[in-house]
Amino acid sequence: MADTIQFDLVSPEKLVASQAVDMVVVPGGEGDLGVLPGHSLLIGTVRPGVIDIHEGGKVTDRIFVAGGFVEVNPETCTVLAEEAVPVAEIDKAAASERLHAAQKALADADDAKAKADAEDAVKVAEAMVAAAR
């Protein structure tokens, strides 16, 4: 069995990360998902949160994702993210402003679709604010 797993993180704008890592922890739709070399096959959803990249027994990089999908096989872990930003690059003030705007949109929502969209935006903004701390 290999000592590393290939991790690829793709957003609509670009390839955010592509590297061999010891382990990656993805915020899965059903809970955090730790992926090591040799992991069984899996396709799942990704909730808003932070991906932790582990190398040498420690977290070496943290990337905020706004949701998406993950595909895992024994050699690779690929995340297709709606939005991806390195945690170190998150502007705390902008994240807080995004949360307030999403909360206002939720309060002003006048139909079921607008309310559902606003609730999703609030979840993403709350996760981004938490990641920025």
N, C-alpha and C. Protein backbone atom coordinates (compact mmCIF):
# COMPACT_ATOMS: atom_id res chain seq x y z
N MET A 1 0.84 -1.18 0.00
CA MET A 1 0.00 0.00 0.00
C MET A 1 0.88 1.24 0.00
N ALA A 2 0.47 2.25 -0.76
CA ALA A 2 1.22 3.51 -0.86
C ALA A 2 1.18 4.27 0.46
N ASP A 3 2.18 5.13 0.65
CA ASP A 3 2.25 5.95 1.86
C ASP A 3 1.46 7.24 1.73
N THR A 4 1.09 7.62 0.50
CA THR A 4 0.37 8.86 0.27
C THR A 4 -0.83 8.61 -0.63
N ILE A 5 -1.72 9.59 -0.65
CA ILE A 5 -2.87 9.57 -1.53
C ILE A 5 -2.86 10.87 -2.33
N GLN A 6 -3.20 10.79 -3.60
CA GLN A 6 -3.25 11.98 -4.44
C GLN A 6 -4.52 12.76 -4.11
N PHE A 7 -4.36 14.04 -3.75
CA PHE A 7 -5.49 14.90 -3.43
C PHE A 7 -5.60 16.00 -4.47
N ASP A 8 -6.80 16.11 -5.05
CA ASP A 8 -7.07 17.17 -6.03
C ASP A 8 -8.31 17.92 -5.58
N LEU A 9 -8.21 19.24 -5.56
CA LEU A 9 -9.33 20.11 -5.21
C LEU A 9 -9.56 21.06 -6.38
N VAL A 10 -10.77 20.97 -6.95
CA VAL A 10 -11.10 21.76 -8.14
C VAL A 10 -12.30 22.65 -7.82
N SER A 11 -12.18 23.94 -8.16
CA SER A 11 -13.30 24.88 -8.06
C SER A 11 -13.66 25.28 -9.49
N PRO A 12 -14.77 25.96 -9.70
CA PRO A 12 -15.11 26.39 -11.06
C PRO A 12 -14.05 27.28 -11.71
N GLU A 13 -13.30 28.00 -10.88
CA GLU A 13 -12.30 28.93 -11.42
C GLU A 13 -10.97 28.27 -11.77
N LYS A 14 -10.55 27.26 -10.96
CA LYS A 14 -9.19 26.73 -11.15
C LYS A 14 -8.97 25.44 -10.37
N LEU A 15 -7.84 24.83 -10.64
CA LEU A 15 -7.36 23.71 -9.84
C LEU A 15 -6.71 24.32 -8.60
N VAL A 16 -7.32 24.13 -7.45
CA VAL A 16 -6.87 24.78 -6.21
C VAL A 16 -5.69 24.04 -5.59
N ALA A 17 -5.75 22.70 -5.61
CA ALA A 17 -4.69 21.89 -5.02
C ALA A 17 -4.56 20.59 -5.79
N SER A 18 -3.35 20.13 -5.94
CA SER A 18 -3.07 18.83 -6.55
C SER A 18 -1.74 18.37 -5.99
N GLN A 19 -1.81 17.44 -5.03
CA GLN A 19 -0.59 17.01 -4.36
C GLN A 19 -0.78 15.65 -3.70
N ALA A 20 0.33 14.97 -3.50
CA ALA A 20 0.31 13.72 -2.75
C ALA A 20 0.38 14.08 -1.27
N VAL A 21 -0.54 13.52 -0.46
CA VAL A 21 -0.63 13.85 0.97
C VAL A 21 -0.72 12.58 1.79
N ASP A 22 -0.44 12.70 3.08
CA ASP A 22 -0.58 11.57 3.99
C ASP A 22 -2.04 11.27 4.27
N MET A 23 -2.82 12.33 4.47
CA MET A 23 -4.24 12.20 4.77
C MET A 23 -4.93 13.53 4.46
N VAL A 24 -6.22 13.45 4.14
CA VAL A 24 -7.02 14.65 3.96
C VAL A 24 -8.33 14.43 4.71
N VAL A 25 -8.80 15.46 5.40
CA VAL A 25 -10.07 15.41 6.11
C VAL A 25 -11.03 16.37 5.43
N VAL A 26 -12.13 15.81 4.91
CA VAL A 26 -13.10 16.55 4.12
C VAL A 26 -14.39 16.69 4.93
N PRO A 27 -15.01 17.89 4.94
CA PRO A 27 -16.29 18.05 5.64
C PRO A 27 -17.42 17.42 4.81
N GLY A 28 -17.65 16.15 5.01
CA GLY A 28 -18.66 15.43 4.24
C GLY A 28 -20.07 15.77 4.69
N GLY A 29 -21.02 15.47 3.83
CA GLY A 29 -22.41 15.75 4.13
C GLY A 29 -22.93 14.99 5.33
N GLU A 30 -22.33 13.85 5.65
CA GLU A 30 -22.74 13.04 6.79
C GLU A 30 -21.78 13.14 7.96
N GLY A 31 -20.80 14.03 7.87
CA GLY A 31 -19.79 14.19 8.92
C GLY A 31 -18.41 14.25 8.29
N ASP A 32 -17.41 14.58 9.10
CA ASP A 32 -16.05 14.68 8.58
C ASP A 32 -15.58 13.32 8.07
N LEU A 33 -14.84 13.35 6.96
CA LEU A 33 -14.39 12.15 6.28
C LEU A 33 -12.87 12.18 6.21
N GLY A 34 -12.22 11.28 6.93
CA GLY A 34 -10.77 11.16 6.88
C GLY A 34 -10.40 10.18 5.78
N VAL A 35 -9.54 10.63 4.85
CA VAL A 35 -9.16 9.79 3.72
C VAL A 35 -7.67 9.51 3.79
N LEU A 36 -7.36 8.22 3.87
CA LEU A 36 -5.98 7.73 3.90
C LEU A 36 -5.73 6.90 2.65
N PRO A 37 -4.46 6.64 2.33
CA PRO A 37 -4.17 5.75 1.20
C PRO A 37 -4.88 4.41 1.40
N GLY A 38 -5.42 3.86 0.33
CA GLY A 38 -6.10 2.58 0.40
C GLY A 38 -7.57 2.68 0.78
N HIS A 39 -8.11 3.89 0.88
CA HIS A 39 -9.51 4.09 1.27
C HIS A 39 -10.43 3.37 0.28
N SER A 40 -11.56 2.90 0.76
CA SER A 40 -12.53 2.25 -0.12
C SER A 40 -13.22 3.28 -1.02
N LEU A 41 -13.86 2.78 -2.06
CA LEU A 41 -14.55 3.65 -3.02
C LEU A 41 -15.68 4.40 -2.34
N LEU A 42 -15.82 5.68 -2.70
CA LEU A 42 -16.86 6.51 -2.10
C LEU A 42 -17.14 7.69 -3.00
N ILE A 43 -18.40 8.03 -3.12
CA ILE A 43 -18.83 9.28 -3.73
C ILE A 43 -19.81 9.91 -2.76
N GLY A 44 -19.60 11.18 -2.43
CA GLY A 44 -20.48 11.82 -1.46
C GLY A 44 -20.54 13.31 -1.64
N THR A 45 -21.35 13.94 -0.80
CA THR A 45 -21.47 15.39 -0.82
C THR A 45 -20.50 16.02 0.17
N VAL A 46 -20.19 17.26 -0.07
CA VAL A 46 -19.33 18.05 0.81
C VAL A 46 -20.16 19.21 1.32
N ARG A 47 -20.18 19.40 2.65
CA ARG A 47 -20.89 20.53 3.24
C ARG A 47 -19.92 21.70 3.39
N PRO A 48 -20.43 22.91 3.58
CA PRO A 48 -19.53 24.04 3.81
C PRO A 48 -18.65 23.78 5.04
N GLY A 49 -17.36 24.02 4.90
CA GLY A 49 -16.43 23.79 6.00
C GLY A 49 -14.99 23.86 5.52
N VAL A 50 -14.09 23.27 6.29
CA VAL A 50 -12.66 23.36 6.00
C VAL A 50 -12.09 21.97 5.72
N ILE A 51 -11.33 21.89 4.64
CA ILE A 51 -10.56 20.68 4.33
C ILE A 51 -9.20 20.84 4.99
N ASP A 52 -8.81 19.83 5.77
CA ASP A 52 -7.49 19.80 6.40
C ASP A 52 -6.60 18.84 5.64
N ILE A 53 -5.43 19.32 5.23
CA ILE A 53 -4.46 18.50 4.52
C ILE A 53 -3.35 18.15 5.51
N HIS A 54 -3.11 16.85 5.67
CA HIS A 54 -2.12 16.35 6.63
C HIS A 54 -0.88 15.82 5.91
N GLU A 55 0.28 16.24 6.40
CA GLU A 55 1.55 15.71 5.92
C GLU A 55 2.50 15.68 7.11
N GLY A 56 3.26 14.61 7.22
CA GLY A 56 4.23 14.50 8.30
C GLY A 56 3.60 14.52 9.68
N GLY A 57 2.38 14.01 9.80
CA GLY A 57 1.73 13.92 11.11
C GLY A 57 1.10 15.21 11.61
N LYS A 58 1.00 16.23 10.74
CA LYS A 58 0.37 17.48 11.17
C LYS A 58 -0.39 18.11 10.01
N VAL A 59 -1.29 19.03 10.35
CA VAL A 59 -2.05 19.75 9.34
C VAL A 59 -1.11 20.79 8.71
N THR A 60 -0.95 20.69 7.39
CA THR A 60 -0.06 21.61 6.70
C THR A 60 -0.80 22.67 5.89
N ASP A 61 -2.07 22.41 5.62
CA ASP A 61 -2.85 23.39 4.85
C ASP A 61 -4.32 23.23 5.19
N ARG A 62 -5.05 24.36 5.19
CA ARG A 62 -6.48 24.36 5.46
C ARG A 62 -7.16 25.19 4.38
N ILE A 63 -8.21 24.60 3.77
CA ILE A 63 -8.89 25.27 2.67
C ILE A 63 -10.39 25.26 2.94
N PHE A 64 -11.01 26.44 2.93
CA PHE A 64 -12.46 26.54 3.09
C PHE A 64 -13.13 26.16 1.79
N VAL A 65 -14.18 25.34 1.88
CA VAL A 65 -15.00 25.00 0.72
C VAL A 65 -16.46 25.30 1.05
N ALA A 66 -17.19 25.75 0.03
CA ALA A 66 -18.59 26.13 0.23
C ALA A 66 -19.55 24.99 -0.06
N GLY A 67 -19.05 23.79 -0.24
CA GLY A 67 -19.87 22.63 -0.57
C GLY A 67 -19.42 22.04 -1.89
N GLY A 68 -20.00 20.90 -2.23
CA GLY A 68 -19.63 20.26 -3.49
C GLY A 68 -19.75 18.76 -3.39
N PHE A 69 -18.83 18.07 -4.07
CA PHE A 69 -18.84 16.61 -4.11
C PHE A 69 -17.43 16.08 -3.91
N VAL A 70 -17.33 14.85 -3.37
CA VAL A 70 -16.05 14.19 -3.18
C VAL A 70 -16.12 12.80 -3.80
N GLU A 71 -15.04 12.41 -4.45
CA GLU A 71 -14.90 11.07 -4.98
C GLU A 71 -13.59 10.50 -4.45
N VAL A 72 -13.66 9.31 -3.87
CA VAL A 72 -12.49 8.68 -3.28
C VAL A 72 -12.31 7.29 -3.87
N ASN A 73 -11.06 6.93 -4.13
CA ASN A 73 -10.70 5.55 -4.44
C ASN A 73 -9.40 5.26 -3.70
N PRO A 74 -8.85 4.07 -3.76
CA PRO A 74 -7.66 3.77 -2.95
C PRO A 74 -6.45 4.66 -3.22
N GLU A 75 -6.38 5.27 -4.42
CA GLU A 75 -5.20 6.08 -4.77
C GLU A 75 -5.45 7.58 -4.78
N THR A 76 -6.73 8.02 -4.92
CA THR A 76 -7.00 9.45 -5.07
C THR A 76 -8.22 9.90 -4.28
N CYS A 77 -8.20 11.18 -3.94
CA CYS A 77 -9.36 11.86 -3.34
C CYS A 77 -9.53 13.15 -4.14
N THR A 78 -10.68 13.26 -4.80
CA THR A 78 -10.95 14.44 -5.62
C THR A 78 -12.17 15.16 -5.06
N VAL A 79 -12.02 16.46 -4.80
CA VAL A 79 -13.13 17.28 -4.33
C VAL A 79 -13.45 18.30 -5.42
N LEU A 80 -14.72 18.32 -5.81
CA LEU A 80 -15.23 19.33 -6.73
C LEU A 80 -16.03 20.31 -5.88
N ALA A 81 -15.47 21.50 -5.68
CA ALA A 81 -16.05 22.46 -4.75
C ALA A 81 -16.72 23.62 -5.48
N GLU A 82 -17.83 24.09 -4.92
CA GLU A 82 -18.53 25.24 -5.46
C GLU A 82 -17.67 26.50 -5.34
N GLU A 83 -16.90 26.56 -4.26
CA GLU A 83 -16.03 27.70 -3.96
C GLU A 83 -14.93 27.17 -3.06
N ALA A 84 -13.70 27.61 -3.26
CA ALA A 84 -12.59 27.16 -2.42
C ALA A 84 -11.63 28.32 -2.19
N VAL A 85 -11.30 28.55 -0.91
CA VAL A 85 -10.41 29.65 -0.52
C VAL A 85 -9.49 29.16 0.60
N PRO A 86 -8.17 29.31 0.44
CA PRO A 86 -7.30 28.98 1.56
C PRO A 86 -7.72 29.77 2.81
N VAL A 87 -7.78 29.12 3.94
CA VAL A 87 -8.23 29.76 5.17
C VAL A 87 -7.41 31.01 5.47
N ALA A 88 -6.12 30.96 5.21
CA ALA A 88 -5.25 32.11 5.48
C ALA A 88 -5.61 33.33 4.64
N GLU A 89 -6.33 33.13 3.54
CA GLU A 89 -6.69 34.24 2.66
C GLU A 89 -8.09 34.79 2.89
N ILE A 90 -8.82 34.23 3.86
CA ILE A 90 -10.18 34.71 4.13
C ILE A 90 -10.10 36.04 4.87
N ASP A 91 -10.79 37.03 4.35
CA ASP A 91 -10.90 38.34 4.98
C ASP A 91 -12.03 38.26 6.01
N LYS A 92 -11.69 38.39 7.28
CA LYS A 92 -12.70 38.24 8.35
C LYS A 92 -13.84 39.25 8.21
N ALA A 93 -13.51 40.48 7.89
CA ALA A 93 -14.55 41.51 7.75
C ALA A 93 -15.46 41.19 6.58
N ALA A 94 -14.90 40.75 5.46
CA ALA A 94 -15.71 40.41 4.30
C ALA A 94 -16.59 39.20 4.58
N ALA A 95 -16.07 38.23 5.33
CA ALA A 95 -16.86 37.06 5.69
C ALA A 95 -18.03 37.45 6.59
N SER A 96 -17.78 38.33 7.54
CA SER A 96 -18.85 38.81 8.43
C SER A 96 -19.90 39.58 7.64
N GLU A 97 -19.45 40.39 6.70
CA GLU A 97 -20.38 41.16 5.85
C GLU A 97 -21.22 40.20 5.00
N ARG A 98 -20.59 39.15 4.50
CA ARG A 98 -21.31 38.15 3.70
C ARG A 98 -22.39 37.47 4.55
N LEU A 99 -22.07 37.18 5.81
CA LEU A 99 -23.04 36.56 6.71
C LEU A 99 -24.21 37.50 6.96
N HIS A 100 -23.94 38.75 7.23
CA HIS A 100 -25.02 39.71 7.48
C HIS A 100 -25.92 39.87 6.25
N ALA A 101 -25.32 39.90 5.06
CA ALA A 101 -26.11 40.02 3.83
C ALA A 101 -26.99 38.78 3.63
N ALA A 102 -26.45 37.61 3.93
CA ALA A 102 -27.22 36.37 3.79
C ALA A 102 -28.36 36.33 4.80
N GLN A 103 -28.10 36.78 6.03
CA GLN A 103 -29.15 36.81 7.05
C GLN A 103 -30.25 37.79 6.66
N LYS A 104 -29.88 38.93 6.07
CA LYS A 104 -30.88 39.90 5.61
C LYS A 104 -31.70 39.31 4.47
N ALA A 105 -31.04 38.62 3.55
CA ALA A 105 -31.77 37.99 2.44
C ALA A 105 -32.75 36.94 2.96
N LEU A 106 -32.35 36.23 4.01
CA LEU A 106 -33.25 35.24 4.60
C LEU A 106 -34.45 35.92 5.24
N ALA A 107 -34.21 37.00 5.96
CA ALA A 107 -35.31 37.73 6.60
C ALA A 107 -36.26 38.34 5.57
N ASP A 108 -35.72 38.72 4.41
CA ASP A 108 -36.53 39.36 3.37
C ASP A 108 -37.14 38.37 2.39
N ALA A 109 -36.80 37.08 2.50
CA ALA A 109 -37.29 36.08 1.53
C ALA A 109 -38.81 36.00 1.58
N ASP A 110 -39.43 36.03 0.39
CA ASP A 110 -40.89 36.05 0.34
C ASP A 110 -41.51 34.81 -0.30
N ASP A 111 -40.67 33.83 -0.70
CA ASP A 111 -41.22 32.58 -1.19
C ASP A 111 -40.29 31.43 -0.79
N ALA A 112 -40.75 30.22 -1.00
CA ALA A 112 -40.01 29.04 -0.53
C ALA A 112 -38.63 28.93 -1.19
N LYS A 113 -38.54 29.19 -2.49
CA LYS A 113 -37.25 29.09 -3.17
C LYS A 113 -36.27 30.13 -2.67
N ALA A 114 -36.71 31.36 -2.53
CA ALA A 114 -35.84 32.42 -2.03
C ALA A 114 -35.38 32.10 -0.61
N LYS A 115 -36.29 31.55 0.20
CA LYS A 115 -35.93 31.21 1.58
C LYS A 115 -34.90 30.08 1.59
N ALA A 116 -35.09 29.05 0.77
CA ALA A 116 -34.14 27.93 0.71
C ALA A 116 -32.76 28.41 0.24
N ASP A 117 -32.73 29.25 -0.79
CA ASP A 117 -31.46 29.79 -1.28
C ASP A 117 -30.77 30.62 -0.20
N ALA A 118 -31.54 31.43 0.51
CA ALA A 118 -30.97 32.27 1.57
C ALA A 118 -30.46 31.43 2.73
N GLU A 119 -31.18 30.35 3.07
CA GLU A 119 -30.71 29.46 4.14
C GLU A 119 -29.38 28.82 3.76
N ASP A 120 -29.23 28.41 2.50
CA ASP A 120 -27.96 27.85 2.03
C ASP A 120 -26.85 28.89 2.12
N ALA A 121 -27.15 30.12 1.72
CA ALA A 121 -26.15 31.19 1.77
C ALA A 121 -25.73 31.48 3.21
N VAL A 122 -26.66 31.41 4.14
CA VAL A 122 -26.33 31.62 5.56
C VAL A 122 -25.41 30.51 6.05
N LYS A 123 -25.69 29.25 5.69
CA LYS A 123 -24.84 28.13 6.12
C LYS A 123 -23.41 28.30 5.61
N VAL A 124 -23.27 28.69 4.33
CA VAL A 124 -21.94 28.90 3.76
C VAL A 124 -21.23 30.04 4.48
N ALA A 125 -21.92 31.15 4.68
CA ALA A 125 -21.31 32.32 5.32
C ALA A 125 -20.93 32.01 6.77
N GLU A 126 -21.79 31.28 7.50
CA GLU A 126 -21.45 30.91 8.87
C GLU A 126 -20.20 30.03 8.91
N ALA A 127 -20.09 29.11 7.98
CA ALA A 127 -18.91 28.24 7.94
C ALA A 127 -17.65 29.04 7.60
N MET A 128 -17.80 30.03 6.72
CA MET A 128 -16.66 30.86 6.35
C MET A 128 -16.20 31.71 7.53
N VAL A 129 -17.16 32.29 8.26
CA VAL A 129 -16.82 33.09 9.44
C VAL A 129 -16.11 32.21 10.48
N ALA A 130 -16.63 31.01 10.69
CA ALA A 130 -16.00 30.10 11.65
C ALA A 130 -14.58 29.73 11.22
N ALA A 131 -14.38 29.52 9.93
CA ALA A 131 -13.04 29.18 9.43
C ALA A 131 -12.07 30.33 9.59
N ALA A 132 -12.55 31.55 9.49
CA ALA A 132 -11.69 32.73 9.58
C ALA A 132 -11.19 33.01 11.00
N ARG A 133 -11.81 32.40 12.00
CA ARG A 133 -11.41 32.66 13.39
C ARG A 133 -10.07 32.09 13.72
